[in-house]
Amino acid sequence: MSSVSVLHPNFVSAFEEAIELLKSVAEYKLDDELQHRMRELGETKDACSPEERDEHRQLAEFWRRQTLRKVQALNVLKRLHEAAPDLIGSLPEPLDEA
């Protein structure tokens, strides 16, 4: 593997931007308002209208996709950190919720 000091500056710059993007995905947290709405709909789903059930399904699917992206971003960051710790810096802590 190439040393960081001999990599092209444009590559290093793009790599650093990609790392920041991965970190922002890994650190994403669902807004409190959305968390509350999803819980509210989940707790009352027997009394929900068809529209509210659909809203809950869409929110749950969004949460599932975001959680998957977070896990993927954390895994890639960990692998990159093992290969180039000087470029990666510290890794975000995994969160319990999306």
PDB file of N, CA and C in Angstrom:
ATOM      1  N   MET A   1       0.845  -1.195   0.000  1.00  0.00           N
ATOM      2  CA  MET A   1       0.000   0.000   0.000  1.00  0.00           C
ATOM      3  C   MET A   1       0.877   1.242   0.000  1.00  0.00           C
ATOM      4  N   SER A   2       0.433   2.281  -0.677  1.00  0.00           N
ATOM      5  CA  SER A   2       1.186   3.529  -0.763  1.00  0.00           C
ATOM      6  C   SER A   2       1.173   4.252   0.568  1.00  0.00           C
ATOM      7  N   SER A   3       2.275   4.914   0.825  1.00  0.00           N
ATOM      8  CA  SER A   3       2.352   5.750   2.007  1.00  0.00           C
ATOM      9  C   SER A   3       1.465   6.975   1.802  1.00  0.00           C
ATOM     10  N   VAL A   4       0.898   7.478   2.882  1.00  0.00           N
ATOM     11  CA  VAL A   4       0.035   8.657   2.793  1.00  0.00           C
ATOM     12  C   VAL A   4       0.806   9.838   2.220  1.00  0.00           C
ATOM     13  N   SER A   5       2.093   9.938   2.528  1.00  0.00           N
ATOM     14  CA  SER A   5       2.878  11.086   2.074  1.00  0.00           C
ATOM     15  C   SER A   5       3.106  11.103   0.568  1.00  0.00           C
ATOM     16  N   VAL A   6       2.928   9.962  -0.137  1.00  0.00           N
ATOM     17  CA  VAL A   6       3.157   9.936  -1.577  1.00  0.00           C
ATOM     18  C   VAL A   6       1.862   9.892  -2.379  1.00  0.00           C
ATOM     19  N   LEU A   7       0.729   9.935  -1.735  1.00  0.00           N
ATOM     20  CA  LEU A   7      -0.545   9.939  -2.451  1.00  0.00           C
ATOM     21  C   LEU A   7      -0.788  11.320  -3.066  1.00  0.00           C
ATOM     22  N   HIS A   8      -1.442  11.324  -4.202  1.00  0.00           N
ATOM     23  CA  HIS A   8      -1.767  12.563  -4.899  1.00  0.00           C
ATOM     24  C   HIS A   8      -2.649  13.437  -4.000  1.00  0.00           C
ATOM     25  N   PRO A   9      -2.371  14.734  -3.903  1.00  0.00           N
ATOM     26  CA  PRO A   9      -3.155  15.622  -3.035  1.00  0.00           C
ATOM     27  C   PRO A   9      -4.662  15.591  -3.334  1.00  0.00           C
ATOM     28  N   ASN A  10      -5.039  15.498  -4.609  1.00  0.00           N
ATOM     29  CA  ASN A  10      -6.469  15.443  -4.942  1.00  0.00           C
ATOM     30  C   ASN A  10      -7.110  14.170  -4.401  1.00  0.00           C
ATOM     31  N   PHE A  11      -6.360  13.072  -4.444  1.00  0.00           N
ATOM     32  CA  PHE A  11      -6.879  11.817  -3.895  1.00  0.00           C
ATOM     33  C   PHE A  11      -7.069  11.949  -2.395  1.00  0.00           C
ATOM     34  N   VAL A  12      -6.080  12.489  -1.724  1.00  0.00           N
ATOM     35  CA  VAL A  12      -6.167  12.648  -0.263  1.00  0.00           C
ATOM     36  C   VAL A  12      -7.345  13.546   0.091  1.00  0.00           C
ATOM     37  N   SER A  13      -7.524  14.637  -0.635  1.00  0.00           N
ATOM     38  CA  SER A  13      -8.635  15.554  -0.378  1.00  0.00           C
ATOM     39  C   SER A  13      -9.983  14.857  -0.583  1.00  0.00           C
ATOM     40  N   ALA A  14     -10.127  14.138  -1.689  1.00  0.00           N
ATOM     41  CA  ALA A  14     -11.378  13.422  -1.952  1.00  0.00           C
ATOM     42  C   ALA A  14     -11.608  12.333  -0.910  1.00  0.00           C
ATOM     43  N   PHE A  15     -10.546  11.655  -0.510  1.00  0.00           N
ATOM     44  CA  PHE A  15     -10.641  10.608   0.496  1.00  0.00           C
ATOM     45  C   PHE A  15     -11.113  11.194   1.826  1.00  0.00           C
ATOM     46  N   GLU A  16     -10.558  12.337   2.212  1.00  0.00           N
ATOM     47  CA  GLU A  16     -10.958  12.985   3.461  1.00  0.00           C
ATOM     48  C   GLU A  16     -12.428  13.408   3.420  1.00  0.00           C
ATOM     49  N   GLU A  17     -12.883  13.901   2.274  1.00  0.00           N
ATOM     50  CA  GLU A  17     -14.293  14.267   2.130  1.00  0.00           C
ATOM     51  C   GLU A  17     -15.184  13.027   2.234  1.00  0.00           C
ATOM     52  N   ALA A  18     -14.750  11.933   1.628  1.00  0.00           N
ATOM     53  CA  ALA A  18     -15.515  10.686   1.708  1.00  0.00           C
ATOM     54  C   ALA A  18     -15.593  10.193   3.152  1.00  0.00           C
ATOM     55  N   ILE A  19     -14.505  10.322   3.881  1.00  0.00           N
ATOM     56  CA  ILE A  19     -14.485   9.907   5.290  1.00  0.00           C
ATOM     57  C   ILE A  19     -15.469  10.751   6.096  1.00  0.00           C
ATOM     58  N   GLU A  20     -15.485  12.055   5.863  1.00  0.00           N
ATOM     59  CA  GLU A  20     -16.424  12.925   6.580  1.00  0.00           C
ATOM     60  C   GLU A  20     -17.871  12.547   6.254  1.00  0.00           C
ATOM     61  N   LEU A  21     -18.135  12.220   4.999  1.00  0.00           N
ATOM     62  CA  LEU A  21     -19.476  11.796   4.613  1.00  0.00           C
ATOM     63  C   LEU A  21     -19.850  10.491   5.313  1.00  0.00           C
ATOM     64  N   LEU A  22     -18.943   9.531   5.317  1.00  0.00           N
ATOM     65  CA  LEU A  22     -19.202   8.266   6.009  1.00  0.00           C
ATOM     66  C   LEU A  22     -19.445   8.498   7.500  1.00  0.00           C
ATOM     67  N   LYS A  23     -18.665   9.375   8.103  1.00  0.00           N
ATOM     68  CA  LYS A  23     -18.850   9.672   9.528  1.00  0.00           C
ATOM     69  C   LYS A  23     -20.214  10.312   9.782  1.00  0.00           C
ATOM     70  N   SER A  24     -20.655  11.203   8.885  1.00  0.00           N
ATOM     71  CA  SER A  24     -21.964  11.835   9.087  1.00  0.00           C
ATOM     72  C   SER A  24     -23.085  10.802   8.976  1.00  0.00           C
ATOM     73  N   VAL A  25     -22.940   9.837   8.081  1.00  0.00           N
ATOM     74  CA  VAL A  25     -23.928   8.757   7.969  1.00  0.00           C
ATOM     75  C   VAL A  25     -23.892   7.897   9.225  1.00  0.00           C
ATOM     76  N   ALA A  26     -22.687   7.569   9.694  1.00  0.00           N
ATOM     77  CA  ALA A  26     -22.539   6.715  10.872  1.00  0.00           C
ATOM     78  C   ALA A  26     -23.069   7.381  12.144  1.00  0.00           C
ATOM     79  N   GLU A  27     -23.037   8.706  12.192  1.00  0.00           N
ATOM     80  CA  GLU A  27     -23.481   9.432  13.382  1.00  0.00           C
ATOM     81  C   GLU A  27     -24.934   9.907  13.301  1.00  0.00           C
ATOM     82  N   TYR A  28     -25.617   9.585  12.199  1.00  0.00           N
ATOM     83  CA  TYR A  28     -26.993  10.032  12.008  1.00  0.00           C
ATOM     84  C   TYR A  28     -27.882   9.546  13.152  1.00  0.00           C
ATOM     85  N   LYS A  29     -28.758  10.422  13.596  1.00  0.00           N
ATOM     86  CA  LYS A  29     -29.736  10.067  14.625  1.00  0.00           C
ATOM     87  C   LYS A  29     -31.092  10.579  14.168  1.00  0.00           C
ATOM     88  N   LEU A  30     -32.096   9.739  14.275  1.00  0.00           N
ATOM     89  CA  LEU A  30     -33.456  10.107  13.905  1.00  0.00           C
ATOM     90  C   LEU A  30     -33.924  11.262  14.777  1.00  0.00           C
ATOM     91  N   ASP A  31     -34.558  12.263  14.173  1.00  0.00           N
ATOM     92  CA  ASP A  31     -35.078  13.415  14.924  1.00  0.00           C
ATOM     93  C   ASP A  31     -36.002  12.943  16.035  1.00  0.00           C
ATOM     94  N   ASP A  32     -35.962  13.666  17.159  1.00  0.00           N
ATOM     95  CA  ASP A  32     -36.819  13.320  18.295  1.00  0.00           C
ATOM     96  C   ASP A  32     -38.295  13.312  17.909  1.00  0.00           C
ATOM     97  N   GLU A  33     -38.694  14.281  17.068  1.00  0.00           N
ATOM     98  CA  GLU A  33     -40.092  14.369  16.646  1.00  0.00           C
ATOM     99  C   GLU A  33     -40.510  13.117  15.860  1.00  0.00           C
ATOM    100  N   LEU A  34     -39.634  12.654  14.966  1.00  0.00           N
ATOM    101  CA  LEU A  34     -39.938  11.443  14.199  1.00  0.00           C
ATOM    102  C   LEU A  34     -39.951  10.203  15.091  1.00  0.00           C
ATOM    103  N   GLN A  35     -39.013  10.131  16.039  1.00  0.00           N
ATOM    104  CA  GLN A  35     -39.003   9.008  16.985  1.00  0.00           C
ATOM    105  C   GLN A  35     -40.314   8.969  17.765  1.00  0.00           C
ATOM    106  N   HIS A  36     -40.739  10.139  18.239  1.00  0.00           N
ATOM    107  CA  HIS A  36     -41.973  10.222  19.017  1.00  0.00           C
ATOM    108  C   HIS A  36     -43.174   9.790  18.166  1.00  0.00           C
ATOM    109  N   ARG A  37     -43.230  10.291  16.938  1.00  0.00           N
ATOM    110  CA  ARG A  37     -44.364   9.947  16.063  1.00  0.00           C
ATOM    111  C   ARG A  37     -44.392   8.451  15.762  1.00  0.00           C
ATOM    112  N   MET A  38     -43.234   7.856  15.515  1.00  0.00           N
ATOM    113  CA  MET A  38     -43.175   6.433  15.219  1.00  0.00           C
ATOM    114  C   MET A  38     -43.629   5.617  16.429  1.00  0.00           C
ATOM    115  N   ARG A  39     -43.179   5.996  17.625  1.00  0.00           N
ATOM    116  CA  ARG A  39     -43.621   5.311  18.850  1.00  0.00           C
ATOM    117  C   ARG A  39     -45.124   5.462  19.056  1.00  0.00           C
ATOM    118  N   GLU A  40     -45.596   6.681  18.868  1.00  0.00           N
ATOM    119  CA  GLU A  40     -47.017   6.967  19.052  1.00  0.00           C
ATOM    120  C   GLU A  40     -47.872   6.104  18.125  1.00  0.00           C
ATOM    121  N   LEU A  41     -47.489   6.049  16.860  1.00  0.00           N
ATOM    122  CA  LEU A  41     -48.243   5.243  15.898  1.00  0.00           C
ATOM    123  C   LEU A  41     -48.123   3.750  16.221  1.00  0.00           C
ATOM    124  N   GLY A  42     -46.955   3.318  16.657  1.00  0.00           N
ATOM    125  CA  GLY A  42     -46.758   1.910  16.995  1.00  0.00           C
ATOM    126  C   GLY A  42     -47.567   1.478  18.204  1.00  0.00           C
ATOM    127  N   GLU A  43     -47.694   2.357  19.172  1.00  0.00           N
ATOM    128  CA  GLU A  43     -48.429   2.027  20.397  1.00  0.00           C
ATOM    129  C   GLU A  43     -49.935   2.021  20.185  1.00  0.00           C
ATOM    130  N   THR A  44     -50.404   2.738  19.172  1.00  0.00           N
ATOM    131  CA  THR A  44     -51.849   2.837  18.939  1.00  0.00           C
ATOM    132  C   THR A  44     -52.255   2.258  17.593  1.00  0.00           C
ATOM    133  N   LYS A  45     -51.439   1.335  17.076  1.00  0.00           N
ATOM    134  CA  LYS A  45     -51.694   0.873  15.701  1.00  0.00           C
ATOM    135  C   LYS A  45     -53.038   0.176  15.536  1.00  0.00           C
ATOM    136  N   ASP A  46     -53.587  -0.404  16.604  1.00  0.00           N
ATOM    137  CA  ASP A  46     -54.910  -1.036  16.493  1.00  0.00           C
ATOM    138  C   ASP A  46     -56.001  -0.002  16.231  1.00  0.00           C
ATOM    139  N   ALA A  47     -55.802   1.211  16.733  1.00  0.00           N
ATOM    140  CA  ALA A  47     -56.801   2.264  16.556  1.00  0.00           C
ATOM    141  C   ALA A  47     -56.449   3.228  15.419  1.00  0.00           C
ATOM    142  N   CYS A  48     -55.373   2.953  14.723  1.00  0.00           N
ATOM    143  CA  CYS A  48     -54.921   3.856  13.654  1.00  0.00           C
ATOM    144  C   CYS A  48     -55.783   3.721  12.405  1.00  0.00           C
ATOM    145  N   SER A  49     -55.870   4.828  11.697  1.00  0.00           N
ATOM    146  CA  SER A  49     -56.538   4.828  10.391  1.00  0.00           C
ATOM    147  C   SER A  49     -55.603   4.156   9.386  1.00  0.00           C
ATOM    148  N   PRO A  50     -56.112   3.778   8.226  1.00  0.00           N
ATOM    149  CA  PRO A  50     -55.227   3.212   7.190  1.00  0.00           C
ATOM    150  C   PRO A  50     -54.092   4.171   6.813  1.00  0.00           C
ATOM    151  N   GLU A  51     -54.377   5.466   6.807  1.00  0.00           N
ATOM    152  CA  GLU A  51     -53.346   6.452   6.488  1.00  0.00           C
ATOM    153  C   GLU A  51     -52.254   6.462   7.558  1.00  0.00           C
ATOM    154  N   GLU A  52     -52.651   6.364   8.824  1.00  0.00           N
ATOM    155  CA  GLU A  52     -51.668   6.349   9.912  1.00  0.00           C
ATOM    156  C   GLU A  52     -50.847   5.056   9.893  1.00  0.00           C
ATOM    157  N   ARG A  53     -51.483   3.951   9.555  1.00  0.00           N
ATOM    158  CA  ARG A  53     -50.736   2.687   9.434  1.00  0.00           C
ATOM    159  C   ARG A  53     -49.703   2.789   8.323  1.00  0.00           C
ATOM    160  N   ASP A  54     -50.093   3.408   7.211  1.00  0.00           N
ATOM    161  CA  ASP A  54     -49.160   3.598   6.107  1.00  0.00           C
ATOM    162  C   ASP A  54     -48.022   4.532   6.522  1.00  0.00           C
ATOM    163  N   GLU A  55     -48.353   5.583   7.251  1.00  0.00           N
ATOM    164  CA  GLU A  55     -47.324   6.502   7.750  1.00  0.00           C
ATOM    165  C   GLU A  55     -46.343   5.746   8.650  1.00  0.00           C
ATOM    166  N   HIS A  56     -46.865   4.906   9.540  1.00  0.00           N
ATOM    167  CA  HIS A  56     -46.005   4.129  10.436  1.00  0.00           C
ATOM    168  C   HIS A  56     -45.111   3.185   9.637  1.00  0.00           C
ATOM    169  N   ARG A  57     -45.679   2.539   8.639  1.00  0.00           N
ATOM    170  CA  ARG A  57     -44.899   1.623   7.799  1.00  0.00           C
ATOM    171  C   ARG A  57     -43.774   2.376   7.094  1.00  0.00           C
ATOM    172  N   GLN A  58     -44.092   3.559   6.569  1.00  0.00           N
ATOM    173  CA  GLN A  58     -43.073   4.354   5.872  1.00  0.00           C
ATOM    174  C   GLN A  58     -41.977   4.827   6.833  1.00  0.00           C
ATOM    175  N   LEU A  59     -42.373   5.259   8.030  1.00  0.00           N
ATOM    176  CA  LEU A  59     -41.378   5.685   9.023  1.00  0.00           C
ATOM    177  C   LEU A  59     -40.490   4.516   9.444  1.00  0.00           C
ATOM    178  N   ALA A  60     -41.099   3.354   9.657  1.00  0.00           N
ATOM    179  CA  ALA A  60     -40.330   2.175  10.049  1.00  0.00           C
ATOM    180  C   ALA A  60     -39.356   1.765   8.944  1.00  0.00           C
ATOM    181  N   GLU A  61     -39.781   1.849   7.710  1.00  0.00           N
ATOM    182  CA  GLU A  61     -38.916   1.507   6.586  1.00  0.00           C
ATOM    183  C   GLU A  61     -37.764   2.505   6.467  1.00  0.00           C
ATOM    184  N   PHE A  62     -38.059   3.788   6.653  1.00  0.00           N
ATOM    185  CA  PHE A  62     -37.014   4.809   6.642  1.00  0.00           C
ATOM    186  C   PHE A  62     -35.988   4.529   7.743  1.00  0.00           C
ATOM    187  N   TRP A  63     -36.477   4.223   8.957  1.00  0.00           N
ATOM    188  CA  TRP A  63     -35.597   3.924  10.082  1.00  0.00           C
ATOM    189  C   TRP A  63     -34.736   2.694   9.782  1.00  0.00           C
ATOM    190  N   ARG A  64     -35.323   1.673   9.172  1.00  0.00           N
ATOM    191  CA  ARG A  64     -34.587   0.456   8.833  1.00  0.00           C
ATOM    192  C   ARG A  64     -33.469   0.759   7.827  1.00  0.00           C
ATOM    193  N   ARG A  65     -33.786   1.540   6.796  1.00  0.00           N
ATOM    194  CA  ARG A  65     -32.783   1.891   5.786  1.00  0.00           C
ATOM    195  C   ARG A  65     -31.647   2.722   6.392  1.00  0.00           C
ATOM    196  N   GLN A  66     -32.012   3.679   7.251  1.00  0.00           N
ATOM    197  CA  GLN A  66     -30.993   4.520   7.881  1.00  0.00           C
ATOM    198  C   GLN A  66     -30.103   3.691   8.805  1.00  0.00           C
ATOM    199  N   THR A  67     -30.682   2.766   9.530  1.00  0.00           N
ATOM    200  CA  THR A  67     -29.900   1.908  10.418  1.00  0.00           C
ATOM    201  C   THR A  67     -28.939   1.053   9.608  1.00  0.00           C
ATOM    202  N   LEU A  68     -29.400   0.516   8.495  1.00  0.00           N
ATOM    203  CA  LEU A  68     -28.532  -0.272   7.625  1.00  0.00           C
ATOM    204  C   LEU A  68     -27.387   0.585   7.095  1.00  0.00           C
ATOM    205  N   ARG A  69     -27.672   1.804   6.668  1.00  0.00           N
ATOM    206  CA  ARG A  69     -26.620   2.706   6.176  1.00  0.00           C
ATOM    207  C   ARG A  69     -25.598   3.010   7.268  1.00  0.00           C
ATOM    208  N   LYS A  70     -26.084   3.216   8.500  1.00  0.00           N
ATOM    209  CA  LYS A  70     -25.184   3.488   9.620  1.00  0.00           C
ATOM    210  C   LYS A  70     -24.238   2.322   9.850  1.00  0.00           C
ATOM    211  N   VAL A  71     -24.780   1.117   9.862  1.00  0.00           N
ATOM    212  CA  VAL A  71     -23.960  -0.073  10.089  1.00  0.00           C
ATOM    213  C   VAL A  71     -22.931  -0.223   8.968  1.00  0.00           C
ATOM    214  N   GLN A  72     -23.368  -0.032   7.728  1.00  0.00           N
ATOM    215  CA  GLN A  72     -22.448  -0.125   6.594  1.00  0.00           C
ATOM    216  C   GLN A  72     -21.348   0.931   6.694  1.00  0.00           C
ATOM    217  N   ALA A  73     -21.712   2.156   7.024  1.00  0.00           N
ATOM    218  CA  ALA A  73     -20.724   3.232   7.144  1.00  0.00           C
ATOM    219  C   ALA A  73     -19.719   2.930   8.256  1.00  0.00           C
ATOM    220  N   LEU A  74     -20.206   2.451   9.394  1.00  0.00           N
ATOM    221  CA  LEU A  74     -19.300   2.102  10.498  1.00  0.00           C
ATOM    222  C   LEU A  74     -18.348   0.981  10.103  1.00  0.00           C
ATOM    223  N   ASN A  75     -18.848  -0.015   9.385  1.00  0.00           N
ATOM    224  CA  ASN A  75     -17.991  -1.125   8.953  1.00  0.00           C
ATOM    225  C   ASN A  75     -16.915  -0.648   7.983  1.00  0.00           C
ATOM    226  N   VAL A  76     -17.290   0.198   7.024  1.00  0.00           N
ATOM    227  CA  VAL A  76     -16.312   0.717   6.066  1.00  0.00           C
ATOM    228  C   VAL A  76     -15.284   1.583   6.785  1.00  0.00           C
ATOM    229  N   LEU A  77     -15.738   2.441   7.695  1.00  0.00           N
ATOM    230  CA  LEU A  77     -14.804   3.288   8.442  1.00  0.00           C
ATOM    231  C   LEU A  77     -13.820   2.444   9.250  1.00  0.00           C
ATOM    232  N   LYS A  78     -14.300   1.385   9.850  1.00  0.00           N
ATOM    233  CA  LYS A  78     -13.416   0.507  10.634  1.00  0.00           C
ATOM    234  C   LYS A  78     -12.354  -0.118   9.734  1.00  0.00           C
ATOM    235  N   ARG A  79     -12.770  -0.602   8.565  1.00  0.00           N
ATOM    236  CA  ARG A  79     -11.818  -1.211   7.628  1.00  0.00           C
ATOM    237  C   ARG A  79     -10.806  -0.182   7.132  1.00  0.00           C
ATOM    238  N   LEU A  80     -11.284   1.014   6.811  1.00  0.00           N
ATOM    239  CA  LEU A  80     -10.382   2.064   6.358  1.00  0.00           C
ATOM    240  C   LEU A  80      -9.420   2.491   7.469  1.00  0.00           C
ATOM    241  N   HIS A  81      -9.917   2.530   8.689  1.00  0.00           N
ATOM    242  CA  HIS A  81      -9.075   2.910   9.829  1.00  0.00           C
ATOM    243  C   HIS A  81      -7.938   1.911  10.019  1.00  0.00           C
ATOM    244  N   GLU A  82      -8.243   0.636   9.803  1.00  0.00           N
ATOM    245  CA  GLU A  82      -7.201  -0.389   9.913  1.00  0.00           C
ATOM    246  C   GLU A  82      -6.137  -0.204   8.829  1.00  0.00           C
ATOM    247  N   ALA A  83      -6.540   0.248   7.643  1.00  0.00           N
ATOM    248  CA  ALA A  83      -5.617   0.417   6.521  1.00  0.00           C
ATOM    249  C   ALA A  83      -4.879   1.753   6.548  1.00  0.00           C
ATOM    250  N   ALA A  84      -5.547   2.813   6.981  1.00  0.00           N
ATOM    251  CA  ALA A  84      -4.947   4.159   6.938  1.00  0.00           C
ATOM    252  C   ALA A  84      -5.395   4.978   8.140  1.00  0.00           C
ATOM    253  N   PRO A  85      -4.942   4.613   9.345  1.00  0.00           N
ATOM    254  CA  PRO A  85      -5.409   5.324  10.545  1.00  0.00           C
ATOM    255  C   PRO A  85      -5.090   6.817  10.543  1.00  0.00           C
ATOM    256  N   ASP A  86      -3.989   7.215   9.890  1.00  0.00           N
ATOM    257  CA  ASP A  86      -3.628   8.641   9.850  1.00  0.00           C
ATOM    258  C   ASP A  86      -4.644   9.473   9.088  1.00  0.00           C
ATOM    259  N   LEU A  87      -5.275   8.896   8.080  1.00  0.00           N
ATOM    260  CA  LEU A  87      -6.266   9.621   7.294  1.00  0.00           C
ATOM    261  C   LEU A  87      -7.653   9.567   7.916  1.00  0.00           C
ATOM    262  N   ILE A  88      -7.939   8.541   8.659  1.00  0.00           N
ATOM    263  CA  ILE A  88      -9.287   8.345   9.185  1.00  0.00           C
ATOM    264  C   ILE A  88      -9.513   9.111  10.477  1.00  0.00           C
ATOM    265  N   GLY A  89      -8.554   9.119  11.360  1.00  0.00           N
ATOM    266  CA  GLY A  89      -8.744   9.745  12.659  1.00  0.00           C
ATOM    267  C   GLY A  89      -9.598   8.863  13.547  1.00  0.00           C
ATOM    268  N   SER A  90     -10.299   9.467  14.469  1.00  0.00           N
ATOM    269  CA  SER A  90     -11.104   8.675  15.403  1.00  0.00           C
ATOM    270  C   SER A  90     -12.391   8.203  14.733  1.00  0.00           C
ATOM    271  N   LEU A  91     -12.854   7.068  15.207  1.00  0.00           N
ATOM    272  CA  LEU A  91     -14.086   6.490  14.671  1.00  0.00           C
ATOM    273  C   LEU A  91     -15.276   6.928  15.517  1.00  0.00           C
ATOM    274  N   PRO A  92     -16.438   7.136  14.886  1.00  0.00           N
ATOM    275  CA  PRO A  92     -17.648   7.461  15.656  1.00  0.00           C
ATOM    276  C   PRO A  92     -18.070   6.264  16.500  1.00  0.00           C
ATOM    277  N   GLU A  93     -18.668   6.546  17.619  1.00  0.00           N
ATOM    278  CA  GLU A  93     -19.192   5.487  18.475  1.00  0.00           C
ATOM    279  C   GLU A  93     -20.518   5.000  17.892  1.00  0.00           C
ATOM    280  N   PRO A  94     -20.723   3.687  17.854  1.00  0.00           N
ATOM    281  CA  PRO A  94     -22.023   3.199  17.385  1.00  0.00           C
ATOM    282  C   PRO A  94     -23.118   3.643  18.354  1.00  0.00           C
ATOM    283  N   LEU A  95     -24.275   4.019  17.795  1.00  0.00           N
ATOM    284  CA  LEU A  95     -25.412   4.449  18.598  1.00  0.00           C
ATOM    285  C   LEU A  95     -26.449   3.353  18.651  1.00  0.00           C
ATOM    286  N   ASP A  96     -27.268   3.351  19.696  1.00  0.00           N
ATOM    287  CA  ASP A  96     -28.317   2.345  19.826  1.00  0.00           C
ATOM    288  C   ASP A  96     -29.481   2.591  18.891  1.00  0.00           C
ATOM    289  N   GLU A  97     -29.760   3.866  18.579  1.00  0.00           N
ATOM    290  CA  GLU A  97     -30.909   4.206  17.736  1.00  0.00           C
ATOM    291  C   GLU A  97     -30.447   4.910  16.483  1.00  0.00           C
ATOM    292  N   ALA A  98     -31.275   4.833  15.437  1.00  0.00           N
ATOM    293  CA  ALA A  98     -30.976   5.528  14.173  1.00  0.00           C
ATOM    294  C   ALA A  98     -31.232   7.003  14.300  1.00  0.00           C
TER     295      ALA A  98
END
